[in-house]
Protein backbone atom coordinates (compact mmCIF):
# COMPACT_ATOMS: atom_id res chain seq x y z
CA MET A 1 26.15 60.06 -40.27
CA THR A 2 22.51 60.81 -39.42
CA GLU A 3 22.82 62.38 -36.23
CA ARG A 4 19.96 64.18 -33.78
CA THR A 5 21.72 67.01 -32.32
CA ASP A 6 18.89 69.12 -31.35
CA GLY A 7 19.68 71.03 -27.73
CA ILE A 8 22.93 69.72 -27.88
CA ASP A 9 26.15 71.51 -27.57
CA PRO A 10 27.95 71.40 -31.29
CA ALA A 11 31.45 71.22 -29.45
CA ASP A 12 29.98 68.40 -27.90
CA VAL A 13 29.25 66.32 -31.12
CA GLU A 14 32.27 66.89 -32.53
CA ARG A 15 34.49 65.26 -29.40
CA VAL A 16 32.02 62.56 -30.23
CA ARG A 17 32.52 62.28 -33.48
CA VAL A 18 36.38 62.83 -33.36
CA LEU A 19 36.23 60.31 -30.90
CA ALA A 20 33.87 57.75 -32.86
CA GLU A 21 35.76 58.02 -35.44
CA ALA A 22 39.06 57.23 -34.43
CA ALA A 23 37.50 54.47 -32.49
CA GLY A 24 35.58 53.13 -35.63
CA THR A 25 39.78 52.93 -37.23
CA ALA A 26 41.15 51.10 -35.02
CA SER A 27 37.85 48.42 -34.79
CA ARG A 28 38.86 47.36 -38.50
CA ARG A 29 42.33 46.81 -37.41
CA LEU A 30 41.07 45.02 -34.40
CA ALA A 31 38.73 42.87 -36.64
CA LEU A 32 41.73 41.51 -38.48
CA LEU A 33 43.73 40.34 -35.66
CA SER A 34 44.00 36.44 -35.32
CA ARG A 35 43.29 35.34 -31.93
CA ALA A 36 46.62 34.17 -30.90
CA GLU A 37 47.34 38.31 -31.39
CA LYS A 38 44.07 39.05 -29.21
CA ASP A 39 44.92 36.66 -26.53
CA ALA A 40 48.58 38.03 -26.25
CA ALA A 41 47.62 41.38 -26.01
CA LEU A 42 44.63 40.42 -23.35
CA HIS A 43 47.54 38.80 -21.21
CA ALA A 44 49.61 42.03 -21.71
CA LEU A 45 47.18 44.28 -20.37
CA ALA A 46 46.42 42.07 -17.36
CA ASP A 47 49.85 42.35 -16.44
CA ALA A 48 50.05 45.93 -17.03
CA LEU A 49 47.12 46.30 -14.64
CA VAL A 50 48.92 44.61 -12.09
CA ALA A 51 52.26 46.41 -12.27
CA ALA A 52 50.47 49.68 -12.25
CA THR A 53 48.42 48.48 -9.02
CA ASP A 54 49.77 51.35 -6.68
CA ASP A 55 48.68 54.01 -8.87
CA ILE A 56 45.25 52.55 -9.57
CA VAL A 57 44.70 52.15 -5.85
CA THR A 58 45.68 55.73 -5.32
CA ALA A 59 43.65 56.73 -7.66
CA ASN A 60 40.43 55.15 -6.62
CA ALA A 61 41.44 56.40 -2.71
CA ARG A 62 40.46 59.71 -4.20
CA ASP A 63 37.34 58.88 -5.78
CA LEU A 64 36.18 57.24 -2.69
CA GLU A 65 37.21 60.04 -0.54
CA ARG A 66 35.13 62.08 -2.83
CA GLY A 67 32.09 59.98 -2.56
CA ARG A 68 32.15 59.63 1.30
CA ALA A 69 32.09 63.36 1.71
CA GLN A 70 29.51 63.47 -0.82
CA GLY A 71 27.61 60.92 1.32
CA MET A 72 28.07 58.04 -0.62
CA THR A 73 26.09 54.83 0.60
CA GLU A 74 28.44 52.04 1.72
CA SER A 75 26.74 49.69 -1.04
CA LEU A 76 27.51 52.31 -3.41
CA GLN A 77 31.63 52.57 -2.43
CA ASP A 78 31.70 48.76 -2.20
CA ARG A 79 31.17 49.12 -6.08
CA LEU A 80 33.43 51.56 -6.57
CA ARG A 81 36.36 50.28 -4.26
CA LEU A 82 39.40 48.83 -5.76
CA ASP A 83 42.04 47.39 -3.68
CA PRO A 84 45.00 45.09 -4.68
CA PRO A 85 42.94 41.94 -5.03
CA ARG A 86 40.31 43.63 -6.88
CA VAL A 87 42.84 44.81 -9.42
CA ALA A 88 44.27 41.52 -9.32
CA ALA A 89 41.09 39.67 -9.90
CA VAL A 90 39.67 42.55 -12.84
CA ALA A 91 43.39 41.71 -14.54
CA GLN A 92 42.54 37.63 -14.41
CA ALA A 93 39.13 38.53 -16.08
CA LEU A 94 41.24 38.98 -18.80
CA ARG A 95 43.48 36.26 -18.70
CA ASP A 96 40.39 34.52 -18.33
CA ILE A 97 38.71 35.85 -21.74
CA ALA A 98 41.85 34.92 -23.30
CA GLY A 99 41.22 31.71 -22.46
CA LEU A 100 37.86 31.77 -24.19
CA PRO A 101 37.01 30.57 -27.32
CA ASP A 102 37.07 33.15 -30.47
CA PRO A 103 33.69 33.86 -31.40
CA VAL A 104 34.85 35.64 -34.79
CA GLY A 105 34.86 33.76 -37.53
CA GLU A 106 32.48 31.42 -36.20
CA VAL A 107 30.13 29.79 -38.41
CA VAL A 108 26.71 29.57 -37.11
CA ARG A 109 25.14 27.63 -39.89
CA GLY A 110 25.79 26.97 -43.81
CA SER A 111 24.72 24.66 -45.98
CA THR A 112 25.16 24.03 -49.58
CA LEU A 113 22.20 24.56 -51.94
CA ALA A 114 20.87 22.73 -54.83
CA ASN A 115 22.26 24.56 -57.20
CA GLY A 116 26.06 24.29 -56.11
CA LEU A 117 26.31 27.60 -53.86
CA GLN A 118 27.75 27.52 -50.30
CA ILE A 119 26.06 29.56 -47.98
CA ARG A 120 27.17 30.11 -44.34
CA GLN A 121 26.99 32.17 -41.78
CA VAL A 122 29.80 33.41 -39.89
CA ARG A 123 29.98 36.16 -36.50
CA VAL A 124 31.78 39.29 -36.84
CA PRO A 125 32.84 41.65 -34.56
CA MET A 126 29.53 44.84 -34.12
CA GLY A 127 32.65 47.43 -34.71
CA VAL A 128 32.20 50.32 -32.42
CA VAL A 129 30.52 49.69 -28.84
CA GLY A 130 29.49 52.76 -26.35
CA MET A 131 29.32 52.10 -22.80
CA ILE A 132 27.58 54.44 -20.34
CA TYR A 133 27.89 52.94 -16.77
CA GLU A 134 27.77 54.14 -13.04
CA ALA A 135 30.32 53.68 -10.07
CA ARG A 136 31.67 50.30 -11.33
CA PRO A 137 35.36 49.90 -12.48
CA ASN A 138 35.64 46.53 -13.22
CA VAL A 139 33.39 47.08 -15.99
CA THR A 140 35.68 49.18 -17.97
CA VAL A 141 38.36 46.52 -17.78
CA ASP A 142 35.86 44.02 -18.63
CA ALA A 143 34.30 46.15 -21.42
CA ALA A 144 37.83 46.07 -22.80
CA GLY A 145 38.33 42.82 -22.64
CA LEU A 146 35.60 41.51 -24.00
CA GLY A 147 35.56 44.23 -26.75
CA LEU A 148 38.95 43.46 -27.98
CA LYS A 149 38.77 40.04 -27.89
CA SER A 150 35.05 40.36 -30.06
CA GLY A 151 37.27 42.48 -32.09
CA ASN A 152 34.72 45.86 -31.18
CA ALA A 153 36.10 48.92 -30.47
CA VAL A 154 35.20 50.50 -26.80
CA ILE A 155 34.11 53.62 -25.95
CA LEU A 156 33.59 54.38 -22.24
CA ARG A 157 31.19 56.61 -20.15
CA GLY A 158 31.51 55.63 -17.01
CA GLY A 159 30.03 57.48 -13.81
CA SER A 160 31.32 61.00 -12.40
CA ALA A 161 32.04 58.50 -9.22
CA ALA A 162 34.74 56.57 -10.30
CA ALA A 163 36.65 59.47 -12.83
CA ASP A 164 39.72 58.99 -11.56
CA THR A 165 40.52 55.59 -11.22
CA ASN A 166 38.59 55.13 -14.57
CA ARG A 167 41.20 57.56 -16.21
CA ALA A 168 43.74 55.71 -14.36
CA LEU A 169 42.82 52.53 -15.55
CA VAL A 170 42.17 53.53 -19.55
CA SER A 171 45.18 55.36 -19.15
CA VAL A 172 46.98 51.72 -18.78
CA LEU A 173 45.13 49.86 -21.27
CA ARG A 174 45.61 52.41 -23.69
CA ALA A 175 49.78 52.54 -22.95
CA ALA A 176 49.39 48.48 -23.03
CA LEU A 177 47.96 48.54 -26.41
CA GLU A 178 50.44 50.43 -27.97
CA ALA A 179 53.03 48.99 -26.40
CA GLN A 180 51.62 46.00 -28.39
CA GLY A 181 51.81 47.39 -31.73
CA LEU A 182 48.00 47.39 -31.14
CA PRO A 183 45.68 50.60 -31.90
CA PRO A 184 44.84 52.46 -28.48
CA ASP A 185 41.49 54.17 -29.69
CA ALA A 186 40.52 50.33 -29.39
CA VAL A 187 39.87 51.91 -25.90
CA SER A 188 38.77 55.07 -25.40
CA LEU A 189 37.08 56.92 -22.39
CA LEU A 190 34.77 59.70 -22.94
CA ASP A 191 35.00 62.75 -20.73
CA GLY A 192 32.63 65.66 -19.94
CA GLY A 193 28.76 66.44 -19.09
CA HIS A 194 25.50 65.52 -20.43
CA GLY A 195 26.21 66.89 -23.47
CA VAL A 196 28.88 64.39 -24.54
CA VAL A 197 26.22 61.71 -23.29
CA ARG A 198 24.02 62.89 -25.42
CA ALA A 199 26.24 63.08 -28.10
CA LEU A 200 27.37 59.51 -27.80
CA MET A 201 23.41 58.65 -27.52
CA THR A 202 22.90 60.25 -31.00
CA ALA A 203 26.06 59.17 -32.79
CA ARG A 204 23.92 56.71 -34.90
CA GLY A 205 26.22 55.59 -38.44
CA LEU A 206 29.48 56.20 -35.83
CA VAL A 207 28.45 54.05 -32.68
CA ASP A 208 26.56 50.71 -33.80
CA LEU A 209 25.65 49.62 -30.50
CA LEU A 210 25.29 50.99 -26.80
CA ILE A 211 25.12 49.27 -23.98
CA PRO A 212 24.40 50.95 -20.06
CA ARG A 213 24.44 49.80 -16.87
CA GLY A 214 23.16 51.08 -14.07
CA GLY A 215 20.15 52.00 -12.54
CA THR A 216 16.73 52.55 -13.82
CA GLU A 217 17.09 56.17 -14.20
CA LEU A 218 19.73 56.04 -16.57
CA ILE A 219 18.90 52.87 -18.54
CA GLN A 220 15.74 54.60 -19.46
CA ALA A 221 16.90 57.93 -20.26
CA VAL A 222 19.89 55.86 -22.73
CA VAL A 223 16.78 53.69 -23.99
CA THR A 224 14.58 56.54 -24.48
CA GLY A 225 17.00 59.01 -25.77
CA SER A 226 19.00 57.05 -28.20
CA THR A 227 19.21 57.10 -31.60
CA VAL A 228 21.93 54.76 -31.46
CA PRO A 229 21.01 50.94 -31.13
CA VAL A 230 20.92 50.07 -27.54
CA ILE A 231 20.93 46.53 -26.11
CA GLU A 232 18.96 47.22 -22.21
CA THR A 233 20.36 45.89 -19.22
CA GLY A 234 18.11 46.09 -16.95
CA ILE A 235 17.58 46.80 -13.19
CA GLY A 236 17.84 43.43 -10.62
CA ASN A 237 14.89 43.26 -8.65
CA CYS A 238 15.05 39.74 -8.28
CA HIS A 239 12.91 37.49 -5.83
CA VAL A 240 13.43 34.34 -3.83
CA TYR A 241 9.90 32.18 -3.42
CA VAL A 242 10.28 29.35 -0.53
CA ASP A 243 7.48 26.66 -2.28
CA ALA A 244 5.10 24.27 0.23
CA ARG A 245 7.34 21.79 -0.64
CA ALA A 246 10.87 23.36 -0.18
CA ASP A 247 13.24 21.77 2.02
CA LEU A 248 13.85 24.48 4.30
CA GLU A 249 17.25 24.34 5.52
CA THR A 250 18.03 24.65 1.71
CA ALA A 251 15.56 27.47 1.69
CA LEU A 252 17.02 29.05 4.60
CA ALA A 253 20.74 28.83 2.56
CA ILE A 254 19.46 30.13 -0.31
CA ALA A 255 17.42 33.09 1.11
CA VAL A 256 20.76 34.41 2.79
CA ASN A 257 23.07 33.86 0.22
CA SER A 258 20.59 35.46 -2.11
CA LYS A 259 20.66 38.38 -0.38
CA THR A 260 23.83 39.43 1.36
CA HIS A 261 26.63 37.78 -0.17
CA ARG A 262 26.93 40.50 -2.22
CA PRO A 263 24.07 43.00 -1.60
CA SER A 264 25.11 45.91 -4.16
CA VAL A 265 24.81 44.16 -7.41
CA CYS A 266 22.09 43.44 -9.39
CA ASN A 267 21.43 39.68 -8.61
CA ALA A 268 21.41 39.53 -5.46
CA ALA A 269 17.72 39.17 -4.14
CA GLU A 270 15.56 42.01 -3.19
CA SER A 271 12.45 40.08 -1.84
CA LEU A 272 11.68 36.56 -0.64
CA LEU A 273 8.13 35.25 -0.73
CA VAL A 274 6.98 32.42 0.80
CA HIS A 275 3.99 30.04 0.76
CA ARG A 276 1.60 30.35 3.45
CA ALA A 277 1.73 26.68 4.44
CA VAL A 278 5.68 26.64 5.37
CA ALA A 279 5.02 30.60 6.72
CA ASP A 280 4.81 29.78 10.20
CA ALA A 281 7.87 27.21 10.39
CA PHE A 282 10.09 29.23 7.74
CA LEU A 283 9.59 32.89 8.70
CA PRO A 284 10.70 32.81 12.03
CA LYS A 285 14.56 31.02 11.13
CA VAL A 286 15.06 33.16 8.28
CA LEU A 287 14.06 36.22 9.43
CA ALA A 288 16.16 36.31 12.17
CA ALA A 289 19.24 34.97 10.10
CA LEU A 290 18.52 37.95 8.04
CA SER A 291 18.95 40.51 10.81
CA ALA A 292 21.92 38.82 12.26
CA GLU A 293 23.05 39.71 8.96
CA GLY A 294 22.03 43.08 9.25
CA VAL A 295 19.56 43.09 6.77
CA VAL A 296 16.62 45.74 7.34
CA LEU A 297 13.24 43.98 6.57
CA HIS A 298 10.05 45.19 5.23
CA THR A 299 7.61 42.86 6.08
CA ASP A 300 3.79 42.10 5.09
CA ALA A 301 0.98 41.41 7.41
CA GLY A 302 2.12 37.38 7.31
CA ALA A 303 5.90 37.78 7.72
CA GLY A 304 5.65 40.64 10.18
CA ALA A 305 3.68 38.34 12.52
CA ALA A 306 6.89 36.08 12.00
CA ALA A 307 9.27 38.80 12.56
CA GLU A 308 7.55 39.66 15.63
CA LEU A 309 7.39 36.05 17.10
CA ALA A 310 11.52 35.59 16.08
CA GLY A 311 11.72 39.29 17.92
CA VAL A 312 13.98 41.02 15.07
CA PRO A 313 13.51 44.77 13.80
CA HIS A 314 10.69 45.40 10.83
CA ASP A 315 8.65 47.70 9.30
CA THR A 316 5.80 47.27 7.26
CA ALA A 317 6.43 46.63 3.36
CA THR A 318 4.55 48.91 1.11
CA ALA A 319 4.09 48.23 -3.20
CA GLU A 320 6.86 50.81 -3.56
CA HIS A 321 9.46 48.07 -1.10
CA PHE A 322 8.17 45.51 -3.46
CA ALA A 323 9.01 47.68 -6.38
CA THR A 324 12.81 48.52 -5.44
CA GLU A 325 16.19 47.50 -5.99
CA PHE A 326 17.76 48.16 -2.63
CA HIS A 327 21.09 47.80 -3.95
CA GLY A 328 22.13 46.95 -0.11
CA LEU A 329 21.11 45.26 2.91
CA GLU A 330 17.41 45.59 2.84
CA MET A 331 14.49 43.34 1.94
CA SER A 332 10.91 43.05 1.43
CA VAL A 333 9.27 39.59 2.70
CA GLY A 334 5.74 38.53 1.57
CA VAL A 335 3.23 35.45 2.41
CA VAL A 336 1.78 34.15 -0.61
CA ASP A 337 -1.23 31.68 -0.36
CA ASP A 338 0.16 29.89 -3.51
CA LEU A 339 2.21 29.62 -6.55
CA ASP A 340 0.06 31.66 -8.71
CA ALA A 341 0.23 34.67 -6.35
CA ALA A 342 4.06 34.31 -5.97
CA LEU A 343 3.88 33.81 -9.70
CA GLU A 344 1.62 37.03 -10.25
CA HIS A 345 3.52 39.43 -7.69
CA ILE A 346 6.50 38.62 -9.50
CA ARG A 347 5.10 39.38 -12.72
CA ARG A 348 3.65 42.56 -10.98
CA TYR A 349 7.18 43.73 -9.21
CA GLY A 350 9.87 41.95 -10.90
CA SER A 351 12.13 43.49 -13.78
CA GLY A 352 12.79 40.14 -15.62
CA HIS A 353 16.40 39.57 -14.53
CA THR A 354 16.73 36.72 -12.29
CA GLU A 355 14.04 34.84 -10.11
CA ALA A 356 14.42 31.71 -8.28
CA ILE A 357 12.07 29.02 -6.65
CA VAL A 358 13.03 26.68 -3.95
CA THR A 359 10.83 23.55 -3.90
CA ASP A 360 11.07 19.64 -3.96
CA ASP A 361 7.81 19.43 -6.46
CA ARG A 362 8.92 18.92 -9.78
CA ALA A 363 5.91 20.33 -10.73
CA ALA A 364 6.28 23.37 -9.64
CA ALA A 365 9.45 23.81 -10.23
CA ARG A 366 8.83 23.35 -14.14
CA ARG A 367 5.24 25.50 -13.97
CA PHE A 368 8.01 28.47 -12.25
CA THR A 369 10.75 27.95 -14.77
CA ALA A 370 7.80 28.14 -18.12
CA GLU A 371 5.51 30.58 -16.68
CA VAL A 372 8.20 32.93 -14.93
CA ASP A 373 9.19 36.04 -17.74
CA ALA A 374 13.21 36.88 -16.81
CA ALA A 375 16.67 36.34 -18.34
CA ALA A 376 17.52 33.51 -15.77
CA VAL A 377 15.45 31.31 -13.67
CA MET A 378 16.89 29.16 -10.61
CA VAL A 379 15.61 26.29 -9.54
CA ASN A 380 17.06 25.28 -5.77
CA ALA A 381 19.85 27.81 -6.48
CA SER A 382 20.86 31.39 -5.46
CA THR A 383 20.36 34.31 -7.40
CA ARG A 384 23.78 35.24 -6.93
CA PHE A 385 25.03 33.26 -9.77
CA THR A 386 23.46 34.68 -12.59
CA ASP A 387 26.72 35.99 -13.77
CA GLY A 388 28.83 35.79 -17.03
CA GLY A 389 31.91 34.22 -14.54
CA GLU A 390 29.81 31.61 -12.74
CA PHE A 391 28.27 30.68 -16.24
CA GLY A 392 31.60 30.15 -17.59
CA PHE A 393 31.99 33.03 -20.30
CA GLY A 394 34.47 35.00 -18.31
CA ALA A 395 33.69 38.36 -17.98
CA GLU A 396 30.85 39.75 -18.64
CA ILE A 397 29.46 43.01 -20.61
CA GLY A 398 26.49 43.28 -18.81
CA ILE A 399 23.14 41.22 -18.08
CA SER A 400 20.42 41.47 -21.02
CA THR A 401 16.81 42.02 -19.48
CA GLN A 402 15.27 42.78 -23.33
CA LYS A 403 14.18 39.92 -25.72
CA LEU A 404 15.78 40.95 -28.72
CA HIS A 405 19.42 39.86 -29.69
CA ALA A 406 20.83 39.02 -26.36
CA ARG A 407 19.34 38.25 -23.42
CA GLY A 408 21.00 36.98 -19.75
CA PRO A 409 24.68 37.45 -19.32
CA MET A 410 26.43 38.77 -22.17
CA ALA A 411 29.52 37.51 -22.80
CA LEU A 412 32.25 37.22 -26.29
CA PRO A 413 28.98 35.58 -28.78
CA GLU A 414 26.41 38.70 -27.85
CA LEU A 415 28.90 41.22 -29.03
CA THR A 416 29.38 40.08 -32.07
CA SER A 417 26.79 39.85 -35.11
CA THR A 418 26.93 37.87 -38.19
CA LYS A 419 27.29 37.70 -42.15
CA TRP A 420 26.49 35.87 -44.59
CA VAL A 421 28.99 34.66 -47.16
CA VAL A 422 28.00 33.23 -50.01
CA GLU A 423 30.55 31.15 -52.98
CA GLY A 424 29.73 29.81 -55.97
CA ASP A 425 31.44 29.40 -59.19
CA GLY A 426 29.56 31.64 -61.86
CA GLN A 427 25.97 31.06 -60.63
CA VAL A 428 23.12 33.52 -61.81
CA ARG A 429 19.45 33.41 -61.02
CA VAL A 430 17.06 32.64 -63.17
């Protein structure tokens, strides 16, 4: 193992080493499981979560109470909250994963060479996957399920805000694995302070992949401080652009849904851009609709005039507003002169997550999809559809905004690597 331990308490390094070695042993067992064995285990995990609903909700209530006492925002409380329907939903996500094809062993490509060698590239598990994330307890279950199905062991480091909830969830998952005769160390929870996080980030050789999920500060800390390979899941500063030839009723529905359907998540729209040609007809209606949903509006000069006309509260949008992922009922609104201006605005402020255009102009749609640099680009659809479940992948472990290995919703195939298998009958190279 090659590790960088400067400034890290040796006790934290040792704790991570013990945890990661146990996870590595478990991962080797998982890699050999058949699809039937993995699917049966996923159903058992789902049943165990449902059976433990009362205990999980009680633990979650402690986290919520502590969060409220510490001034946690409503949007973050929404991310943290688990009630019986949400517990049932995360359990159902495990059953959905069981219904998906097993990526392990899939032949990506192959051929028979002129010398008779048969070569094929097959999917194999990553091994040990570490997750560092914030107050999203559903991530705990999704990561465990996706890890199991893809043959990976997972080490979970959730945020302190969800500490009691995550302990309850992982306890249930580990007990259910053990009851199935599977290694409980396939899912483990890393407790402790910043020292253990840094130890996990530098456990190169023991941890094969690290995935951060959370805000900008957390993600950048992991990306810049890790010696373990990282897949970057970015923030969601997403835009809806209403073009000159948009159907304005469609645009109204998409803009409101993109912002208000679930404003705390990363695929919620944070900015609305409107072509000047339709601003007078569209903005008063959409701003009134957004305001009626409780959205705080930050408007540029053109949108501000429409807000005054509509009689809705607003303040002046700054560059900081346009650069912010609000995680709540706030939105920046601007008027742009044309498609080029919209594209330039998105290049400047977008986070590479999801961008949407509303237009009936095919040429404009083609330019937008070709020129916007994002993991997902929507044409006449809400940004809220960038989601592994909505794409038919089952649960997701994150939405990658980088360009290497994986981009967009990361599901089962993205949690595998590949190896080349070459079979011959005595060939030697000459």
